[in-house]
Amino acid sequence: MPRSFLWGMPLLLAAFLTLGGYCQTNEFDTTIPRFEETSLDNALAGKFSVEYRSWYKVVRNHVWNETYALVCCGQTLKDDAEFTAVINIPVAHVAVDGALDALPFIELLGQQDKVVQIKQSQEVTSPCYANLTDNTSVRPDLVLRSIHAEKSEMPSVGFNADNDQLTPLQKGSWLVYIALFFDLEKTADKIFADIVNRYSCHQTNLIGAPHPRNVAWTMYDSSKKTWSLLKDPFYAQLVADAGASLVQPKSSSENSDRVAEFHADLRNADCVIDVSSLTVTQDQDYDDWLKLAGFTDANVDIYNQSFITRKTLHRTDGLTDDMGYSDWPQRSAARPDLALRDVIHMVYPGYSPYHQYVWLRNFAKQDDSRLITKETYPTCHGMADTIMGDICVYRNFFDQLRSSAPQPPPVSFGALVFAIGVMIAMAVLYRRYYRQTKFQYYPMDDLSSSGPHL
């Protein structure tokens, strides 16, 4: 036997033992903790939870009432009846079917190269996935879905960050959810903490508005031909955190089929954000929106609508790709801090006067949508680093306004004493002058005889 082969035997044996550790064998120690657990606050977790069981994680999606087992080290579960899917982690190949809002979360984790298939690839606004199509030659480890799939050959996982029953930060917490499948929850913890800190800073700075502005979110349902005022937790919390008040529908039905009630609901709105589908108004013209909403009728007094007279109707399609797809439905959940800044800038533009809208645009003033390109997109590598560019300093906006309001100039004690002294001196001089001055009086007869009589 060649001596070189004998020398290589220890290396081959070591490699065998190492690989054997990732197969299900009797030697695998299931009592050793294999994960770094997430530190996510349960109050922020948006309808999902995780339980660590040494060598696998139990992830529960409470929106869909599904449970997934995420198994490490190439192991399998002998009893998997309680799980919707069993997935070996960290996943290396991911497919996306409908859950396009998962893509920005994956970008924040720096795992966009792990995405191998996107069913609706033509609708993706991020240029980071420009080369992906509906087909793939690589078998995905899991499929991220936004709707239930009756049958799937591959493990199917629900992704529900677009659920408007979640608050903005609860939506953002789905970064940790997706990170569980990549074994990157500690990385996600840090990124999400940075987002929460910036969100909380801006929120704190807008506490205590003396006269909060009223904001309404509107949506038109073309199939039912009805208008709605949105009041889900996402919209309500985002408005409240921007130092404003949400306009609530006063009609008995959330979807009012009476235009008059819709107008009455909007009468107190200082600003309106419309999220109707782009196809509703065809050419996206403001006049078309007013007509569709019934504000062009002869019997309607538009001057009773503050948001019309002040031209404060906004839309969330301020950032689109070259096919017209809006970036708001796909990326706003991953960056609640930027969504908050947009709403703040709309309501209180003086808070951050140099802020440029990310997603909003003033539709009433016919502001154009901004186009996403490779050049204008922040980055496809190191997306989490862009969060650090938003520097927030704790300073209450309304306290600053009060302190900067014109005030009468302060009078110092020395100046007050000096003024009193000048007044006393003037009084003394006047009395002396009055005593020393001799006034000459003339008899009335002399005055009357000194001139002609009239």
Protein backbone atom coordinates (compact mmCIF):
# COMPACT_ATOMS: atom_id res chain seq x y z
CA MET A 1 0.00 0.00 0.00
CA PRO A 2 1.51 3.42 -0.91
CA ARG A 3 2.82 5.38 2.02
CA SER A 4 1.00 8.51 0.82
CA PHE A 5 -2.30 6.65 1.12
CA LEU A 6 -1.52 5.66 4.70
CA TRP A 7 -0.68 9.25 5.53
CA GLY A 8 -4.04 10.32 4.14
CA MET A 9 -6.07 7.80 6.15
CA PRO A 10 -6.33 10.01 9.28
CA LEU A 11 -7.66 12.89 7.17
CA LEU A 12 -10.22 10.66 5.47
CA LEU A 13 -11.32 9.26 8.82
CA ALA A 14 -11.66 12.74 10.29
CA ALA A 15 -13.72 13.86 7.30
CA PHE A 16 -15.98 10.82 7.63
CA LEU A 17 -16.58 11.45 11.31
CA THR A 18 -17.27 15.11 10.65
CA LEU A 19 -19.81 14.38 7.93
CA GLY A 20 -21.30 11.60 9.99
CA GLY A 21 -22.10 14.12 12.71
CA TYR A 22 -24.66 15.72 10.37
CA CYS A 23 -26.52 12.49 9.70
CA GLN A 24 -29.08 11.02 12.01
CA THR A 25 -27.05 8.55 14.04
CA ASN A 26 -27.23 7.19 17.54
CA GLU A 27 -24.19 9.26 18.38
CA PHE A 28 -25.97 12.59 17.78
CA ASP A 29 -26.46 14.27 21.14
CA THR A 30 -29.92 15.81 21.20
CA THR A 31 -29.37 17.42 24.61
CA ILE A 32 -26.81 19.97 23.44
CA PRO A 33 -28.31 23.41 22.60
CA ARG A 34 -27.50 24.20 18.99
CA PHE A 35 -28.92 27.72 18.62
CA GLU A 36 -28.46 31.27 19.80
CA GLU A 37 -31.94 32.24 20.88
CA THR A 38 -33.60 35.43 19.72
CA SER A 39 -34.12 38.24 22.21
CA LEU A 40 -37.24 39.56 20.47
CA ASP A 41 -39.77 41.04 22.87
CA ASN A 42 -42.97 39.00 22.75
CA ALA A 43 -44.97 42.24 22.69
CA LEU A 44 -43.36 43.16 19.37
CA ALA A 45 -43.63 39.72 17.78
CA GLY A 46 -46.32 40.05 15.12
CA LYS A 47 -48.46 36.92 15.47
CA PHE A 48 -45.62 34.41 15.45
CA SER A 49 -43.58 32.69 18.14
CA VAL A 50 -40.60 30.35 18.45
CA GLU A 51 -39.72 27.63 20.94
CA TYR A 52 -36.20 26.23 21.09
CA ARG A 53 -35.79 22.51 21.66
CA SER A 54 -32.01 22.05 21.67
CA TRP A 55 -31.51 20.82 18.12
CA TYR A 56 -34.67 22.09 16.42
CA LYS A 57 -36.95 25.10 16.61
CA VAL A 58 -40.73 25.08 16.75
CA VAL A 59 -42.01 28.12 14.86
CA ARG A 60 -45.69 28.96 15.06
CA ASN A 61 -47.45 31.16 12.54
CA HIS A 62 -50.50 32.35 14.48
CA VAL A 63 -52.04 34.05 11.44
CA TRP A 64 -52.43 30.76 9.62
CA ASN A 65 -52.39 28.58 12.74
CA GLU A 66 -49.49 26.56 11.35
CA THR A 67 -46.44 25.05 13.08
CA TYR A 68 -43.07 24.37 11.48
CA ALA A 69 -40.14 22.33 12.76
CA LEU A 70 -36.77 23.81 11.80
CA VAL A 71 -34.21 21.03 12.26
CA CYS A 72 -30.47 21.55 12.37
CA CYS A 73 -27.46 19.46 11.57
CA GLY A 74 -29.03 17.37 8.80
CA GLN A 75 -31.22 15.51 11.28
CA THR A 76 -34.80 14.34 10.84
CA LEU A 77 -37.74 14.07 13.19
CA LYS A 78 -39.15 10.62 13.87
CA ASP A 79 -42.48 12.05 15.00
CA ASP A 80 -43.51 14.98 12.83
CA ALA A 81 -47.29 14.64 12.92
CA GLU A 82 -47.77 17.89 14.86
CA PHE A 83 -45.96 20.00 12.26
CA THR A 84 -47.21 21.57 9.07
CA ALA A 85 -43.73 21.23 7.59
CA VAL A 86 -40.32 19.99 8.67
CA ILE A 87 -37.44 22.02 7.22
CA ASN A 88 -33.71 21.50 7.50
CA ILE A 89 -31.89 24.71 8.37
CA PRO A 90 -30.18 26.88 7.50
CA VAL A 91 -32.03 26.95 4.21
CA ALA A 92 -29.90 27.43 1.09
CA HIS A 93 -32.56 27.84 -1.61
CA VAL A 94 -35.81 29.78 -1.23
CA ALA A 95 -38.77 30.21 -3.56
CA VAL A 96 -41.36 32.97 -3.22
CA ASP A 97 -44.96 32.59 -4.31
CA GLY A 98 -47.07 35.67 -3.70
CA ALA A 99 -45.17 36.83 -0.59
CA LEU A 100 -43.26 39.57 -2.39
CA ASP A 101 -43.08 41.56 0.84
CA ALA A 102 -40.69 38.90 2.18
CA LEU A 103 -38.00 39.95 -0.30
CA PRO A 104 -37.00 43.24 1.43
CA PHE A 105 -36.66 41.35 4.73
CA ILE A 106 -34.35 38.85 3.02
CA GLU A 107 -32.33 41.78 1.64
CA LEU A 108 -31.90 43.21 5.14
CA LEU A 109 -30.41 39.86 6.18
CA GLY A 110 -28.11 39.86 3.16
CA GLN A 111 -29.58 36.56 1.93
CA GLN A 112 -31.03 37.69 -1.41
CA ASP A 113 -28.67 35.32 -3.25
CA LYS A 114 -30.52 32.42 -1.60
CA VAL A 115 -33.71 33.25 -3.51
CA VAL A 116 -33.85 31.03 -6.59
CA GLN A 117 -37.44 31.46 -7.80
CA ILE A 118 -40.17 34.12 -7.68
CA LYS A 119 -43.56 33.20 -9.11
CA GLN A 120 -44.58 36.82 -9.73
CA SER A 121 -41.12 38.00 -10.75
CA GLN A 122 -42.48 40.68 -13.13
CA GLU A 123 -44.08 42.48 -10.16
CA VAL A 124 -40.94 42.69 -8.01
CA THR A 125 -39.84 46.30 -7.55
CA SER A 126 -36.38 45.59 -6.12
CA PRO A 127 -33.64 45.41 -8.78
CA CYS A 128 -31.80 42.91 -6.58
CA TYR A 129 -33.89 40.08 -8.08
CA ALA A 130 -33.85 41.24 -11.69
CA ASN A 131 -32.36 37.98 -12.97
CA LEU A 132 -34.92 35.67 -11.37
CA THR A 133 -37.91 34.20 -13.18
CA ASP A 134 -40.90 32.00 -12.44
CA ASN A 135 -38.83 28.89 -13.16
CA THR A 136 -35.75 27.39 -11.54
CA SER A 137 -33.55 24.37 -12.04
CA VAL A 138 -32.72 24.28 -8.33
CA ARG A 139 -35.06 22.56 -5.91
CA PRO A 140 -36.00 25.06 -3.17
CA ASP A 141 -35.78 24.11 0.50
CA LEU A 142 -39.02 25.98 1.15
CA VAL A 143 -41.62 28.16 -0.51
CA LEU A 144 -42.73 31.43 1.11
CA ARG A 145 -46.42 32.01 0.42
CA SER A 146 -48.94 34.76 1.08
CA ILE A 147 -51.94 32.47 0.56
CA HIS A 148 -52.55 28.86 1.51
CA ALA A 149 -51.54 26.15 -0.92
CA GLU A 150 -53.72 23.03 -0.99
CA LYS A 151 -50.90 20.77 -2.14
CA SER A 152 -47.21 21.42 -2.41
CA GLU A 153 -44.32 19.15 -3.25
CA MET A 154 -41.98 21.38 -1.25
CA PRO A 155 -42.29 22.64 2.34
CA SER A 156 -44.65 25.61 2.31
CA VAL A 157 -44.33 28.42 4.84
CA GLY A 158 -46.72 31.33 5.35
CA PHE A 159 -45.34 34.87 5.41
CA ASN A 160 -47.85 37.41 6.71
CA ALA A 161 -46.07 40.68 7.38
CA ASP A 162 -48.66 42.38 5.15
CA ASN A 163 -51.39 41.74 7.72
CA ASP A 164 -52.86 45.16 8.60
CA GLN A 165 -54.00 43.83 11.98
CA LEU A 166 -50.36 44.23 12.99
CA THR A 167 -48.87 47.51 14.13
CA PRO A 168 -45.97 48.96 12.10
CA LEU A 169 -43.33 47.55 14.45
CA GLN A 170 -45.07 44.18 14.62
CA LYS A 171 -44.86 44.04 10.84
CA GLY A 172 -41.18 44.86 11.05
CA SER A 173 -40.64 42.04 13.56
CA TRP A 174 -41.16 39.52 10.77
CA LEU A 175 -37.50 40.11 10.03
CA VAL A 176 -36.82 37.80 12.99
CA TYR A 177 -39.40 35.32 11.69
CA ILE A 178 -37.67 34.96 8.33
CA ALA A 179 -34.25 34.93 10.00
CA LEU A 180 -35.19 31.78 11.94
CA PHE A 181 -35.01 29.81 8.69
CA PHE A 182 -31.52 31.10 7.95
CA ASP A 183 -30.21 30.66 11.52
CA LEU A 184 -29.65 34.43 11.61
CA GLU A 185 -31.97 35.51 14.41
CA LYS A 186 -29.18 37.24 16.33
CA THR A 187 -28.32 39.25 13.23
CA ALA A 188 -32.01 40.04 12.83
CA ASP A 189 -32.23 41.11 16.48
CA LYS A 190 -29.57 43.76 15.95
CA ILE A 191 -31.03 45.07 12.69
CA PHE A 192 -34.55 45.20 14.10
CA ALA A 193 -33.31 46.93 17.25
CA ASP A 194 -31.80 49.67 15.08
CA ILE A 195 -35.14 50.09 13.28
CA VAL A 196 -37.07 50.16 16.56
CA ASN A 197 -34.71 52.75 18.06
CA ARG A 198 -35.15 55.12 15.14
CA TYR A 199 -38.89 54.58 15.00
CA SER A 200 -39.21 55.21 18.75
CA CYS A 201 -37.07 58.34 18.54
CA HIS A 202 -39.27 59.96 15.90
CA GLN A 203 -42.40 58.80 17.72
CA THR A 204 -41.22 60.33 21.00
CA ASN A 205 -40.36 63.61 19.28
CA LEU A 206 -43.98 63.95 18.12
CA ILE A 207 -45.63 63.37 21.50
CA GLY A 208 -47.83 66.15 22.84
CA ALA A 209 -49.22 67.86 19.74
CA PRO A 210 -51.33 70.80 21.00
CA HIS A 211 -53.71 70.45 18.07
CA PRO A 212 -53.17 67.07 16.38
CA ARG A 213 -53.85 66.98 12.65
CA ASN A 214 -56.53 64.59 11.41
CA VAL A 215 -55.42 61.98 8.87
CA ALA A 216 -57.66 59.64 6.87
CA TRP A 217 -56.66 56.53 4.91
CA THR A 218 -59.01 55.84 2.00
CA MET A 219 -59.45 52.94 -0.42
CA TYR A 220 -61.85 52.34 -3.29
CA ASP A 221 -63.17 48.83 -3.96
CA SER A 222 -63.83 48.71 -7.69
CA SER A 223 -65.72 45.42 -7.48
CA LYS A 224 -68.19 46.75 -4.91
CA LYS A 225 -67.92 50.38 -6.06
CA THR A 226 -67.57 51.53 -2.47
CA TRP A 227 -65.17 53.74 -0.57
CA SER A 228 -63.68 52.79 2.79
CA LEU A 229 -61.90 54.62 5.57
CA LEU A 230 -59.21 52.27 6.81
CA LYS A 231 -58.93 51.92 10.59
CA ASP A 232 -56.86 48.74 11.03
CA PRO A 233 -54.17 48.76 13.73
CA PHE A 234 -51.41 49.40 11.19
CA TYR A 235 -52.95 52.64 9.92
CA ALA A 236 -54.18 53.80 13.32
CA GLN A 237 -50.83 53.26 15.03
CA LEU A 238 -48.79 54.82 12.24
CA VAL A 239 -50.90 57.97 12.37
CA ALA A 240 -50.84 58.13 16.17
CA ASP A 241 -47.06 57.70 16.26
CA ALA A 242 -46.77 60.60 13.80
CA GLY A 243 -48.47 62.86 16.36
CA ALA A 244 -51.79 62.92 14.50
CA SER A 245 -55.31 61.52 14.90
CA LEU A 246 -56.95 58.91 12.69
CA VAL A 247 -60.23 59.89 11.06
CA GLN A 248 -62.72 57.18 11.97
CA PRO A 249 -65.76 56.30 9.84
CA LYS A 250 -68.95 57.51 11.47
CA SER A 251 -71.29 55.43 9.33
CA SER A 252 -72.62 52.14 10.65
CA SER A 253 -70.93 50.17 7.87
CA GLU A 254 -67.16 50.22 7.36
CA ASN A 255 -67.72 50.14 3.61
CA SER A 256 -70.27 52.87 3.08
CA ASP A 257 -72.26 52.72 -0.14
CA ARG A 258 -73.44 56.25 0.34
CA VAL A 259 -71.13 58.91 -1.01
CA ALA A 260 -72.65 61.51 1.31
CA GLU A 261 -71.52 59.52 4.34
CA PHE A 262 -68.06 59.19 2.88
CA HIS A 263 -67.90 62.96 2.41
CA ALA A 264 -69.13 63.53 5.94
CA ASP A 265 -66.44 61.23 7.31
CA LEU A 266 -63.74 63.19 5.47
CA ARG A 267 -65.00 66.62 6.47
CA ASN A 268 -62.58 66.88 9.40
CA ALA A 269 -59.60 65.38 7.57
CA ASP A 270 -56.59 67.67 7.30
CA CYS A 271 -54.72 65.12 5.17
CA VAL A 272 -55.82 62.06 3.21
CA ILE A 273 -53.69 59.10 2.13
CA ASP A 274 -55.29 57.02 -0.62
CA VAL A 275 -54.19 53.42 -1.19
CA SER A 276 -56.62 52.54 -3.99
CA SER A 277 -55.40 50.36 -6.81
CA LEU A 278 -53.60 52.19 -9.59
CA THR A 279 -56.02 50.80 -12.15
CA VAL A 280 -59.00 52.47 -10.47
CA THR A 281 -58.35 55.96 -11.81
CA GLN A 282 -56.88 54.75 -15.11
CA ASP A 283 -54.47 57.58 -15.91
CA GLN A 284 -54.00 58.40 -12.22
CA ASP A 285 -55.30 61.92 -12.59
CA TYR A 286 -56.38 63.91 -9.53
CA ASP A 287 -59.55 65.11 -11.25
CA ASP A 288 -60.48 61.50 -11.95
CA TRP A 289 -60.08 60.73 -8.24
CA LEU A 290 -62.36 63.63 -7.29
CA LYS A 291 -64.95 62.46 -9.79
CA LEU A 292 -64.78 58.86 -8.61
CA ALA A 293 -65.19 60.02 -5.01
CA GLY A 294 -68.23 62.13 -5.94
CA PHE A 295 -66.66 65.51 -5.21
CA THR A 296 -67.40 66.93 -8.66
CA ASP A 297 -71.18 66.65 -8.30
CA ALA A 298 -73.00 69.96 -8.58
CA ASN A 299 -74.60 69.65 -5.14
CA VAL A 300 -71.30 69.03 -3.33
CA ASP A 301 -69.58 71.93 -1.62
CA ILE A 302 -65.89 71.03 -1.89
CA TYR A 303 -64.95 74.05 0.21
CA ASN A 304 -66.20 72.12 3.23
CA GLN A 305 -63.39 69.63 2.64
CA SER A 306 -60.14 70.91 4.13
CA PHE A 307 -57.96 68.35 2.37
CA ILE A 308 -59.29 69.53 -1.01
CA THR A 309 -58.87 73.24 -0.43
CA ARG A 310 -55.39 72.70 1.03
CA LYS A 311 -54.41 70.13 -1.63
CA THR A 312 -53.27 67.52 0.89
CA LEU A 313 -54.43 64.33 -0.81
CA HIS A 314 -51.50 61.91 -0.97
CA ARG A 315 -50.97 58.43 -2.38
CA THR A 316 -48.54 55.65 -1.47
CA ASP A 317 -47.37 55.06 -5.05
CA GLY A 318 -44.63 57.65 -4.93
CA LEU A 319 -41.99 54.99 -5.66
CA THR A 320 -42.57 52.56 -8.55
CA ASP A 321 -40.64 50.36 -10.93
CA ASP A 322 -40.58 50.85 -14.70
CA MET A 323 -43.76 48.75 -15.04
CA GLY A 324 -45.70 50.91 -12.59
CA TYR A 325 -45.75 48.53 -9.63
CA SER A 326 -45.69 50.39 -6.32
CA ASP A 327 -42.90 49.68 -3.87
CA TRP A 328 -45.07 50.49 -0.82
CA PRO A 329 -46.85 47.09 -0.56
CA GLN A 330 -43.54 45.27 -0.86
CA ARG A 331 -41.10 47.25 1.29
CA SER A 332 -42.99 49.42 3.80
CA ALA A 333 -43.52 46.50 6.21
CA ALA A 334 -39.76 45.89 6.41
CA ARG A 335 -39.00 49.57 7.13
CA PRO A 336 -41.64 50.96 9.50
CA ASP A 337 -39.20 53.70 10.46
CA LEU A 338 -39.26 55.10 6.91
CA ALA A 339 -43.04 54.74 6.69
CA LEU A 340 -43.37 56.79 9.88
CA ARG A 341 -41.05 59.50 8.58
CA ASP A 342 -43.13 59.84 5.42
CA VAL A 343 -46.35 60.33 7.39
CA ILE A 344 -44.66 62.80 9.75
CA HIS A 345 -43.35 64.83 6.81
CA MET A 346 -46.85 64.98 5.33
CA VAL A 347 -48.46 66.11 8.61
CA TYR A 348 -45.68 68.25 10.09
CA PRO A 349 -43.26 69.19 7.27
CA GLY A 350 -41.31 71.46 9.60
CA TYR A 351 -40.18 68.51 11.73
CA SER A 352 -37.63 67.38 9.17
CA PRO A 353 -37.79 69.91 6.33
CA TYR A 354 -35.11 68.22 4.24
CA HIS A 355 -36.73 64.77 4.31
CA GLN A 356 -37.61 63.41 0.88
CA TYR A 357 -40.60 61.13 0.59
CA VAL A 358 -39.78 57.45 0.18
CA TRP A 359 -43.28 56.24 -0.76
CA LEU A 360 -45.75 59.12 -0.43
CA ARG A 361 -46.45 61.73 -3.08
CA ASN A 362 -48.81 64.68 -3.11
CA PHE A 363 -51.44 63.49 -5.57
CA ALA A 364 -53.46 66.72 -5.35
CA LYS A 365 -50.45 68.70 -6.58
CA GLN A 366 -49.78 66.07 -9.26
CA ASP A 367 -46.36 65.11 -7.93
CA ASP A 368 -44.87 62.44 -10.17
CA SER A 369 -43.95 58.97 -8.96
CA ARG A 370 -40.22 58.39 -8.61
CA LEU A 371 -38.68 55.53 -10.60
CA ILE A 372 -36.72 52.70 -9.00
CA THR A 373 -33.53 51.88 -10.88
CA LYS A 374 -30.28 50.16 -10.02
CA GLU A 375 -28.77 53.62 -9.65
CA THR A 376 -31.48 55.01 -7.35
CA TYR A 377 -32.02 51.87 -5.26
CA PRO A 378 -30.07 52.04 -1.97
CA THR A 379 -28.05 48.86 -2.45
CA CYS A 380 -28.32 45.14 -3.05
CA HIS A 381 -25.51 44.33 -0.64
CA GLY A 382 -25.37 45.65 2.89
CA MET A 383 -28.93 46.94 2.95
CA ALA A 384 -28.93 46.88 6.77
CA ASP A 385 -26.11 49.43 6.78
CA THR A 386 -28.40 52.01 5.19
CA ILE A 387 -30.43 52.14 8.41
CA MET A 388 -27.54 53.88 10.13
CA GLY A 389 -27.88 56.78 7.72
CA ASP A 390 -31.07 57.92 9.45
CA ILE A 391 -29.84 59.80 12.50
CA CYS A 392 -32.52 60.78 14.98
CA VAL A 393 -31.91 63.04 17.98
CA TYR A 394 -34.41 63.05 20.81
CA ARG A 395 -35.95 66.53 20.75
CA ASN A 396 -39.66 67.14 21.16
CA PHE A 397 -40.89 68.96 18.09
CA PHE A 398 -43.72 70.82 19.79
CA ASP A 399 -41.53 72.00 22.67
CA GLN A 400 -39.18 73.44 20.06
CA LEU A 401 -42.03 75.22 18.34
CA ARG A 402 -43.13 76.79 21.61
CA SER A 403 -39.60 77.87 22.51
CA SER A 404 -39.00 79.37 19.06
CA ALA A 405 -42.22 81.40 19.05
CA PRO A 406 -41.65 85.22 19.21
CA GLN A 407 -41.43 86.37 22.83
CA PRO A 408 -41.25 89.91 24.27
CA PRO A 409 -37.62 90.76 24.97
CA PRO A 410 -36.67 90.11 28.59
CA VAL A 411 -36.04 93.14 30.82
CA SER A 412 -33.07 92.79 33.12
CA PHE A 413 -33.14 94.03 36.69
CA GLY A 414 -30.38 96.56 35.96
CA ALA A 415 -32.29 98.01 33.04
CA LEU A 416 -35.40 98.29 35.18
CA VAL A 417 -33.54 100.18 37.91
CA PHE A 418 -31.98 102.49 35.33
CA ALA A 419 -35.39 103.26 33.80
CA ILE A 420 -36.87 104.07 37.20
CA GLY A 421 -33.91 106.32 37.98
CA VAL A 422 -34.34 108.24 34.74
CA MET A 423 -38.02 108.78 35.48
CA ILE A 424 -37.26 110.08 38.99
CA ALA A 425 -34.57 112.45 37.66
CA MET A 426 -36.93 113.84 35.04
CA ALA A 427 -39.58 114.42 37.67
CA VAL A 428 -37.11 116.32 39.92
CA LEU A 429 -35.85 118.50 37.07
CA TYR A 430 -39.39 119.34 36.02
CA ARG A 431 -40.34 120.44 39.54
CA ARG A 432 -37.26 122.67 39.78
CA TYR A 433 -37.98 124.23 36.39
CA TYR A 434 -41.60 124.83 37.35
CA ARG A 435 -40.62 126.65 40.60
CA GLN A 436 -37.99 128.86 38.97
CA THR A 437 -40.00 129.93 35.97
CA LYS A 438 -42.06 133.15 36.38
CA PHE A 439 -45.14 133.20 34.33
CA GLN A 440 -46.53 136.59 33.20
CA TYR A 441 -50.26 137.03 33.12
CA TYR A 442 -52.06 139.67 31.05
CA PRO A 443 -55.44 141.14 31.97
CA MET A 444 -58.17 140.17 29.61
CA ASP A 445 -58.93 143.85 29.01
CA ASP A 446 -55.46 144.45 27.60
CA LEU A 447 -55.75 141.48 25.28
CA SER A 448 -59.19 142.57 24.11
CA SER A 449 -58.05 146.17 23.38
CA SER A 450 -54.88 145.24 21.58
CA GLY A 451 -56.57 144.04 18.42
CA PRO A 452 -59.56 144.70 16.25
CA HIS A 453 -62.96 143.60 17.29
CA LEU A 454 -64.67 141.06 15.09
